Amino acid sequence: MCLGIPHQVVEVLDRDSCLIRLGGATQHCFVGLIDELHVGDWVVVHAGFAIDKIAPDDARANLELIERYLEPVGSDPLPSEGEPRA
């Protein structure tokens, strides 16, 4: 299973690469799989590759879900043996 994280395009470098940002981190990204990329677009990124464009509202919703699941869940996040997962 892979996890693609939405990032916003902050600079298009050439037809195959751009700079993306999430929070305060900016990084290089391969975008050869995406047609017509513009500054301000949101893309789903996996392993340094933009794999699809995503609408801003969908990006926001995805990031909120990811953030919710990254919040601390207590001292024992895994269920005991035989106990169902919540």
PDB file of N, CA and C in Angstrom:
ATOM      1  N   MET A   1       0.853  -1.172   0.000  1.00  0.00           N
ATOM      2  CA  MET A   1       0.000   0.000   0.000  1.00  0.00           C
ATOM      3  C   MET A   1       0.895   1.230   0.000  1.00  0.00           C
ATOM      4  N   CYS A   2       0.476   2.241  -0.724  1.00  0.00           N
ATOM      5  CA  CYS A   2       1.231   3.488  -0.736  1.00  0.00           C
ATOM      6  C   CYS A   2       0.342   4.605  -0.201  1.00  0.00           C
ATOM      7  N   LEU A   3       0.983   5.661   0.207  1.00  0.00           N
ATOM      8  CA  LEU A   3       0.259   6.817   0.718  1.00  0.00           C
ATOM      9  C   LEU A   3       0.702   8.033  -0.081  1.00  0.00           C
ATOM     10  N   GLY A   4      -0.234   8.661  -0.763  1.00  0.00           N
ATOM     11  CA  GLY A   4       0.047   9.893  -1.491  1.00  0.00           C
ATOM     12  C   GLY A   4      -0.414  11.074  -0.645  1.00  0.00           C
ATOM     13  N   ILE A   5       0.427  12.072  -0.524  1.00  0.00           N
ATOM     14  CA  ILE A   5       0.142  13.232   0.309  1.00  0.00           C
ATOM     15  C   ILE A   5      -0.040  14.463  -0.592  1.00  0.00           C
ATOM     16  N   PRO A   6      -1.120  15.224  -0.412  1.00  0.00           N
ATOM     17  CA  PRO A   6      -1.297  16.444  -1.202  1.00  0.00           C
ATOM     18  C   PRO A   6      -0.244  17.505  -0.866  1.00  0.00           C
ATOM     19  N   HIS A   7       0.289  18.121  -1.893  1.00  0.00           N
ATOM     20  CA  HIS A   7       1.239  19.236  -1.780  1.00  0.00           C
ATOM     21  C   HIS A   7       0.824  20.306  -2.783  1.00  0.00           C
ATOM     22  N   GLN A   8       1.173  21.548  -2.496  1.00  0.00           N
ATOM     23  CA  GLN A   8       0.866  22.634  -3.419  1.00  0.00           C
ATOM     24  C   GLN A   8       2.104  22.996  -4.227  1.00  0.00           C
ATOM     25  N   VAL A   9       1.910  23.222  -5.515  1.00  0.00           N
ATOM     26  CA  VAL A   9       2.998  23.611  -6.411  1.00  0.00           C
ATOM     27  C   VAL A   9       3.332  25.081  -6.158  1.00  0.00           C
ATOM     28  N   VAL A  10       4.611  25.355  -5.883  1.00  0.00           N
ATOM     29  CA  VAL A  10       5.030  26.737  -5.641  1.00  0.00           C
ATOM     30  C   VAL A  10       5.897  27.290  -6.767  1.00  0.00           C
ATOM     31  N   GLU A  11       6.484  26.393  -7.572  1.00  0.00           N
ATOM     32  CA  GLU A  11       7.273  26.845  -8.719  1.00  0.00           C
ATOM     33  C   GLU A  11       7.397  25.711  -9.727  1.00  0.00           C
ATOM     34  N   VAL A  12       7.096  25.998 -10.984  1.00  0.00           N
ATOM     35  CA  VAL A  12       7.287  25.026 -12.054  1.00  0.00           C
ATOM     36  C   VAL A  12       8.680  25.275 -12.623  1.00  0.00           C
ATOM     37  N   LEU A  13       9.560  24.270 -12.532  1.00  0.00           N
ATOM     38  CA  LEU A  13      10.946  24.426 -12.976  1.00  0.00           C
ATOM     39  C   LEU A  13      11.104  24.119 -14.460  1.00  0.00           C
ATOM     40  N   ASP A  14      10.499  23.043 -14.902  1.00  0.00           N
ATOM     41  CA  ASP A  14      10.475  22.668 -16.315  1.00  0.00           C
ATOM     42  C   ASP A  14       9.318  21.699 -16.502  1.00  0.00           C
ATOM     43  N   ARG A  15       9.224  21.066 -17.669  1.00  0.00           N
ATOM     44  CA  ARG A  15       8.041  20.235 -17.908  1.00  0.00           C
ATOM     45  C   ARG A  15       8.028  18.945 -17.085  1.00  0.00           C
ATOM     46  N   ASP A  16       9.164  18.606 -16.469  1.00  0.00           N
ATOM     47  CA  ASP A  16       9.238  17.376 -15.683  1.00  0.00           C
ATOM     48  C   ASP A  16       9.453  17.588 -14.187  1.00  0.00           C
ATOM     49  N   SER A  17       9.636  18.827 -13.739  1.00  0.00           N
ATOM     50  CA  SER A  17       9.894  19.018 -12.315  1.00  0.00           C
ATOM     51  C   SER A  17       9.350  20.349 -11.809  1.00  0.00           C
ATOM     52  N   CYS A  18       9.126  20.375 -10.503  1.00  0.00           N
ATOM     53  CA  CYS A  18       8.632  21.581  -9.863  1.00  0.00           C
ATOM     54  C   CYS A  18       9.065  21.574  -8.401  1.00  0.00           C
ATOM     55  N   LEU A  19       8.768  22.656  -7.718  1.00  0.00           N
ATOM     56  CA  LEU A  19       8.926  22.719  -6.273  1.00  0.00           C
ATOM     57  C   LEU A  19       7.536  22.662  -5.668  1.00  0.00           C
ATOM     58  N   ILE A  20       7.400  21.862  -4.623  1.00  0.00           N
ATOM     59  CA  ILE A  20       6.125  21.720  -3.936  1.00  0.00           C
ATOM     60  C   ILE A  20       6.310  22.085  -2.471  1.00  0.00           C
ATOM     61  N   ARG A  21       5.208  22.432  -1.837  1.00  0.00           N
ATOM     62  CA  ARG A  21       5.275  22.811  -0.424  1.00  0.00           C
ATOM     63  C   ARG A  21       4.111  22.197   0.335  1.00  0.00           C
ATOM     64  N   LEU A  22       4.437  21.769   1.535  1.00  0.00           N
ATOM     65  CA  LEU A  22       3.436  21.333   2.502  1.00  0.00           C
ATOM     66  C   LEU A  22       3.893  21.855   3.848  1.00  0.00           C
ATOM     67  N   GLY A  23       3.070  22.670   4.465  1.00  0.00           N
ATOM     68  CA  GLY A  23       3.494  23.310   5.710  1.00  0.00           C
ATOM     69  C   GLY A  23       4.682  24.207   5.413  1.00  0.00           C
ATOM     70  N   GLY A  24       5.741  24.084   6.169  1.00  0.00           N
ATOM     71  CA  GLY A  24       6.923  24.906   5.956  1.00  0.00           C
ATOM     72  C   GLY A  24       7.999  24.243   5.123  1.00  0.00           C
ATOM     73  N   ALA A  25       7.748  23.032   4.631  1.00  0.00           N
ATOM     74  CA  ALA A  25       8.763  22.287   3.886  1.00  0.00           C
ATOM     75  C   ALA A  25       8.546  22.407   2.385  1.00  0.00           C
ATOM     76  N   THR A  26       9.598  22.797   1.670  1.00  0.00           N
ATOM     77  CA  THR A  26       9.577  22.868   0.210  1.00  0.00           C
ATOM     78  C   THR A  26      10.530  21.813  -0.319  1.00  0.00           C
ATOM     79  N   GLN A  27      10.112  21.106  -1.369  1.00  0.00           N
ATOM     80  CA  GLN A  27      10.971  20.070  -1.943  1.00  0.00           C
ATOM     81  C   GLN A  27      10.766  19.959  -3.443  1.00  0.00           C
ATOM     82  N   HIS A  28      11.708  19.303  -4.077  1.00  0.00           N
ATOM     83  CA  HIS A  28      11.667  19.054  -5.511  1.00  0.00           C
ATOM     84  C   HIS A  28      10.735  17.874  -5.771  1.00  0.00           C
ATOM     85  N   CYS A  29      10.034  17.912  -6.908  1.00  0.00           N
ATOM     86  CA  CYS A  29       9.100  16.846  -7.241  1.00  0.00           C
ATOM     87  C   CYS A  29       9.110  16.592  -8.749  1.00  0.00           C
ATOM     88  N   PHE A  30       9.100  15.323  -9.140  1.00  0.00           N
ATOM     89  CA  PHE A  30       8.980  14.932 -10.537  1.00  0.00           C
ATOM     90  C   PHE A  30       7.514  15.008 -10.938  1.00  0.00           C
ATOM     91  N   VAL A  31       7.212  15.702 -12.041  1.00  0.00           N
ATOM     92  CA  VAL A  31       5.823  15.901 -12.461  1.00  0.00           C
ATOM     93  C   VAL A  31       5.567  15.457 -13.901  1.00  0.00           C
ATOM     94  N   GLY A  32       6.411  14.600 -14.418  1.00  0.00           N
ATOM     95  CA  GLY A  32       6.272  14.149 -15.795  1.00  0.00           C
ATOM     96  C   GLY A  32       4.982  13.406 -16.088  1.00  0.00           C
ATOM     97  N   LEU A  33       4.286  12.955 -15.057  1.00  0.00           N
ATOM     98  CA  LEU A  33       3.023  12.232 -15.246  1.00  0.00           C
ATOM     99  C   LEU A  33       1.816  13.158 -15.294  1.00  0.00           C
ATOM    100  N   ILE A  34       2.023  14.450 -15.037  1.00  0.00           N
ATOM    101  CA  ILE A  34       0.920  15.413 -14.934  1.00  0.00           C
ATOM    102  C   ILE A  34       0.923  16.337 -16.151  1.00  0.00           C
ATOM    103  N   ASP A  35      -0.250  16.537 -16.736  1.00  0.00           N
ATOM    104  CA  ASP A  35      -0.396  17.489 -17.840  1.00  0.00           C
ATOM    105  C   ASP A  35      -0.727  18.867 -17.279  1.00  0.00           C
ATOM    106  N   GLU A  36      -0.218  19.902 -17.906  1.00  0.00           N
ATOM    107  CA  GLU A  36      -0.529  21.298 -17.569  1.00  0.00           C
ATOM    108  C   GLU A  36      -0.522  21.581 -16.077  1.00  0.00           C
ATOM    109  N   LEU A  37       0.644  21.814 -15.570  1.00  0.00           N
ATOM    110  CA  LEU A  37       0.803  22.103 -14.151  1.00  0.00           C
ATOM    111  C   LEU A  37       1.100  23.588 -13.976  1.00  0.00           C
ATOM    112  N   HIS A  38       0.442  24.204 -12.993  1.00  0.00           N
ATOM    113  CA  HIS A  38       0.596  25.634 -12.744  1.00  0.00           C
ATOM    114  C   HIS A  38       0.873  25.884 -11.267  1.00  0.00           C
ATOM    115  N   VAL A  39       1.534  26.999 -10.985  1.00  0.00           N
ATOM    116  CA  VAL A  39       1.740  27.416  -9.604  1.00  0.00           C
ATOM    117  C   VAL A  39       0.371  27.541  -8.935  1.00  0.00           C
ATOM    118  N   GLY A  40       0.260  26.996  -7.732  1.00  0.00           N
ATOM    119  CA  GLY A  40      -0.999  27.014  -7.002  1.00  0.00           C
ATOM    120  C   GLY A  40      -1.787  25.721  -7.111  1.00  0.00           C
ATOM    121  N   ASP A  41      -1.480  24.894  -8.128  1.00  0.00           N
ATOM    122  CA  ASP A  41      -2.150  23.599  -8.255  1.00  0.00           C
ATOM    123  C   ASP A  41      -1.786  22.716  -7.071  1.00  0.00           C
ATOM    124  N   TRP A  42      -2.660  21.786  -6.756  1.00  0.00           N
ATOM    125  CA  TRP A  42      -2.402  20.775  -5.741  1.00  0.00           C
ATOM    126  C   TRP A  42      -2.186  19.451  -6.438  1.00  0.00           C
ATOM    127  N   VAL A  43      -1.176  18.699  -5.993  1.00  0.00           N
ATOM    128  CA  VAL A  43      -0.879  17.389  -6.558  1.00  0.00           C
ATOM    129  C   VAL A  43      -0.736  16.375  -5.432  1.00  0.00           C
ATOM    130  N   VAL A  44      -1.061  15.122  -5.742  1.00  0.00           N
ATOM    131  CA  VAL A  44      -0.852  14.021  -4.809  1.00  0.00           C
ATOM    132  C   VAL A  44       0.544  13.482  -5.084  1.00  0.00           C
ATOM    133  N   VAL A  45       1.380  13.441  -4.039  1.00  0.00           N
ATOM    134  CA  VAL A  45       2.788  13.063  -4.194  1.00  0.00           C
ATOM    135  C   VAL A  45       3.072  11.769  -3.449  1.00  0.00           C
ATOM    136  N   HIS A  46       3.739  10.855  -4.150  1.00  0.00           N
ATOM    137  CA  HIS A  46       4.215   9.613  -3.537  1.00  0.00           C
ATOM    138  C   HIS A  46       5.657   9.396  -3.966  1.00  0.00           C
ATOM    139  N   ALA A  47       6.551   9.257  -3.002  1.00  0.00           N
ATOM    140  CA  ALA A  47       7.966   8.956  -3.255  1.00  0.00           C
ATOM    141  C   ALA A  47       8.610   9.957  -4.220  1.00  0.00           C
ATOM    142  N   GLY A  48       8.242  11.230  -4.112  1.00  0.00           N
ATOM    143  CA  GLY A  48       8.849  12.259  -4.934  1.00  0.00           C
ATOM    144  C   GLY A  48       8.233  12.437  -6.306  1.00  0.00           C
ATOM    145  N   PHE A  49       7.181  11.706  -6.592  1.00  0.00           N
ATOM    146  CA  PHE A  49       6.497  11.784  -7.880  1.00  0.00           C
ATOM    147  C   PHE A  49       5.082  12.311  -7.683  1.00  0.00           C
ATOM    148  N   ALA A  50       4.702  13.322  -8.450  1.00  0.00           N
ATOM    149  CA  ALA A  50       3.311  13.770  -8.473  1.00  0.00           C
ATOM    150  C   ALA A  50       2.550  12.765  -9.324  1.00  0.00           C
ATOM    151  N   ILE A  51       1.551  12.120  -8.733  1.00  0.00           N
ATOM    152  CA  ILE A  51       0.845  11.064  -9.459  1.00  0.00           C
ATOM    153  C   ILE A  51      -0.523  11.503  -9.965  1.00  0.00           C
ATOM    154  N   ASP A  52      -1.024  12.652  -9.466  1.00  0.00           N
ATOM    155  CA  ASP A  52      -2.314  13.150  -9.931  1.00  0.00           C
ATOM    156  C   ASP A  52      -2.529  14.555  -9.399  1.00  0.00           C
ATOM    157  N   LYS A  53      -3.350  15.334 -10.104  1.00  0.00           N
ATOM    158  CA  LYS A  53      -3.812  16.617  -9.579  1.00  0.00           C
ATOM    159  C   LYS A  53      -4.976  16.356  -8.646  1.00  0.00           C
ATOM    160  N   ILE A  54      -5.208  17.275  -7.722  1.00  0.00           N
ATOM    161  CA  ILE A  54      -6.315  17.142  -6.790  1.00  0.00           C
ATOM    162  C   ILE A  54      -6.916  18.531  -6.566  1.00  0.00           C
ATOM    163  N   ALA A  55      -8.214  18.587  -6.431  1.00  0.00           N
ATOM    164  CA  ALA A  55      -8.904  19.859  -6.185  1.00  0.00           C
ATOM    165  C   ALA A  55      -8.501  20.393  -4.806  1.00  0.00           C
ATOM    166  N   PRO A  56      -8.417  21.720  -4.666  1.00  0.00           N
ATOM    167  CA  PRO A  56      -8.024  22.301  -3.376  1.00  0.00           C
ATOM    168  C   PRO A  56      -8.875  21.825  -2.197  1.00  0.00           C
ATOM    169  N   ASP A  57     -10.185  21.714  -2.377  1.00  0.00           N
ATOM    170  CA  ASP A  57     -11.053  21.243  -1.292  1.00  0.00           C
ATOM    171  C   ASP A  57     -10.750  19.789  -0.926  1.00  0.00           C
ATOM    172  N   ASP A  58     -10.470  18.965  -1.933  1.00  0.00           N
ATOM    173  CA  ASP A  58     -10.125  17.571  -1.669  1.00  0.00           C
ATOM    174  C   ASP A  58      -8.761  17.468  -0.980  1.00  0.00           C
ATOM    175  N   ALA A  59      -7.816  18.310  -1.387  1.00  0.00           N
ATOM    176  CA  ALA A  59      -6.501  18.326  -0.737  1.00  0.00           C
ATOM    177  C   ALA A  59      -6.648  18.684   0.735  1.00  0.00           C
ATOM    178  N   ARG A  60      -7.432  19.704   1.009  1.00  0.00           N
ATOM    179  CA  ARG A  60      -7.650  20.136   2.396  1.00  0.00           C
ATOM    180  C   ARG A  60      -8.287  19.016   3.217  1.00  0.00           C
ATOM    181  N   ALA A  61      -9.298  18.359   2.661  1.00  0.00           N
ATOM    182  CA  ALA A  61      -9.975  17.269   3.371  1.00  0.00           C
ATOM    183  C   ALA A  61      -9.013  16.107   3.632  1.00  0.00           C
ATOM    184  N   ASN A  62      -8.196  15.758   2.645  1.00  0.00           N
ATOM    185  CA  ASN A  62      -7.217  14.681   2.823  1.00  0.00           C
ATOM    186  C   ASN A  62      -6.200  15.024   3.903  1.00  0.00           C
ATOM    187  N   LEU A  63      -5.706  16.254   3.887  1.00  0.00           N
ATOM    188  CA  LEU A  63      -4.720  16.660   4.883  1.00  0.00           C
ATOM    189  C   LEU A  63      -5.318  16.669   6.289  1.00  0.00           C
ATOM    190  N   GLU A  64      -6.582  17.057   6.408  1.00  0.00           N
ATOM    191  CA  GLU A  64      -7.245  17.025   7.713  1.00  0.00           C
ATOM    192  C   GLU A  64      -7.366  15.585   8.224  1.00  0.00           C
ATOM    193  N   LEU A  65      -7.703  14.649   7.336  1.00  0.00           N
ATOM    194  CA  LEU A  65      -7.775  13.239   7.737  1.00  0.00           C
ATOM    195  C   LEU A  65      -6.414  12.716   8.175  1.00  0.00           C
ATOM    196  N   ILE A  66      -5.393  13.028   7.412  1.00  0.00           N
ATOM    197  CA  ILE A  66      -4.041  12.576   7.756  1.00  0.00           C
ATOM    198  C   ILE A  66      -3.632  13.150   9.108  1.00  0.00           C
ATOM    199  N   GLU A  67      -3.892  14.427   9.310  1.00  0.00           N
ATOM    200  CA  GLU A  67      -3.538  15.063  10.580  1.00  0.00           C
ATOM    201  C   GLU A  67      -4.277  14.412  11.745  1.00  0.00           C
ATOM    202  N   ARG A  68      -5.546  14.104  11.552  1.00  0.00           N
ATOM    203  CA  ARG A  68      -6.338  13.469  12.610  1.00  0.00           C
ATOM    204  C   ARG A  68      -5.739  12.122  13.006  1.00  0.00           C
ATOM    205  N   TYR A  69      -5.289  11.344  12.015  1.00  0.00           N
ATOM    206  CA  TYR A  69      -4.734  10.025  12.311  1.00  0.00           C
ATOM    207  C   TYR A  69      -3.325  10.084  12.866  1.00  0.00           C
ATOM    208  N   LEU A  70      -2.656  11.219  12.719  1.00  0.00           N
ATOM    209  CA  LEU A  70      -1.314  11.364  13.279  1.00  0.00           C
ATOM    210  C   LEU A  70      -1.322  11.884  14.704  1.00  0.00           C
ATOM    211  N   GLU A  71      -2.482  12.297  15.208  1.00  0.00           N
ATOM    212  CA  GLU A  71      -2.573  12.769  16.587  1.00  0.00           C
ATOM    213  C   GLU A  71      -2.267  11.615  17.533  1.00  0.00           C
ATOM    214  N   PRO A  72      -1.695  11.913  18.681  1.00  0.00           N
ATOM    215  CA  PRO A  72      -1.410  10.834  19.643  1.00  0.00           C
ATOM    216  C   PRO A  72      -2.685  10.097  20.038  1.00  0.00           C
ATOM    217  N   VAL A  73      -2.556   8.784  20.176  1.00  0.00           N
ATOM    218  CA  VAL A  73      -3.716   7.972  20.521  1.00  0.00           C
ATOM    219  C   VAL A  73      -3.600   7.382  21.925  1.00  0.00           C
ATOM    220  N   GLY A  74      -2.650   7.838  22.691  1.00  0.00           N
ATOM    221  CA  GLY A  74      -2.477   7.322  24.039  1.00  0.00           C
ATOM    222  C   GLY A  74      -1.224   6.480  24.151  1.00  0.00           C
ATOM    223  N   SER A  75      -1.043   5.876  25.303  1.00  0.00           N
ATOM    224  CA  SER A  75       0.194   5.144  25.558  1.00  0.00           C
ATOM    225  C   SER A  75       0.236   3.783  24.877  1.00  0.00           C
ATOM    226  N   ASP A  76      -0.914   3.189  24.555  1.00  0.00           N
ATOM    227  CA  ASP A  76      -0.952   1.879  23.932  1.00  0.00           C
ATOM    228  C   ASP A  76      -1.862   1.923  22.703  1.00  0.00           C
ATOM    229  N   PRO A  77      -1.320   2.327  21.548  1.00  0.00           N
ATOM    230  CA  PRO A  77      -2.173   2.498  20.369  1.00  0.00           C
ATOM    231  C   PRO A  77      -2.646   1.198  19.743  1.00  0.00           C
ATOM    232  N   LEU A  78      -2.001   0.068  20.073  1.00  0.00           N
ATOM    233  CA  LEU A  78      -2.402  -1.208  19.484  1.00  0.00           C
ATOM    234  C   LEU A  78      -3.312  -1.956  20.448  1.00  0.00           C
ATOM    235  N   PRO A  79      -4.344  -2.620  19.935  1.00  0.00           N
ATOM    236  CA  PRO A  79      -5.245  -3.379  20.816  1.00  0.00           C
ATOM    237  C   PRO A  79      -4.530  -4.596  21.381  1.00  0.00           C
ATOM    238  N   SER A  80      -5.016  -5.074  22.492  1.00  0.00           N
ATOM    239  CA  SER A  80      -4.500  -6.313  23.068  1.00  0.00           C
ATOM    240  C   SER A  80      -4.857  -7.459  22.141  1.00  0.00           C
ATOM    241  N   GLU A  81      -4.131  -8.558  22.283  1.00  0.00           N
ATOM    242  CA  GLU A  81      -4.402  -9.736  21.438  1.00  0.00           C
ATOM    243  C   GLU A  81      -5.845 -10.179  21.598  1.00  0.00           C
ATOM    244  N   GLY A  82      -6.536 -10.388  20.505  1.00  0.00           N
ATOM    245  CA  GLY A  82      -7.922 -10.814  20.540  1.00  0.00           C
ATOM    246  C   GLY A  82      -8.915  -9.677  20.655  1.00  0.00           C
ATOM    247  N   GLU A  83      -8.443  -8.488  20.942  1.00  0.00           N
ATOM    248  CA  GLU A  83      -9.327  -7.328  21.066  1.00  0.00           C
ATOM    249  C   GLU A  83      -9.499  -6.689  19.693  1.00  0.00           C
ATOM    250  N   PRO A  84     -10.737  -6.402  19.284  1.00  0.00           N
ATOM    251  CA  PRO A  84     -10.937  -5.792  17.946  1.00  0.00           C
ATOM    252  C   PRO A  84     -10.376  -4.382  17.888  1.00  0.00           C
ATOM    253  N   ARG A  85      -9.929  -4.014  16.708  1.00  0.00           N
ATOM    254  CA  ARG A  85      -9.462  -2.637  16.486  1.00  0.00           C
ATOM    255  C   ARG A  85     -10.669  -1.726  16.386  1.00  0.00           C
ATOM    256  N   ALA A  86     -10.524  -0.515  16.891  1.00  0.00           N
ATOM    257  CA  ALA A  86     -11.611   0.457  16.838  1.00  0.00           C
ATOM    258  C   ALA A  86     -11.775   0.992  15.437  1.00  0.00           C
TER     259      ALA A  86
END
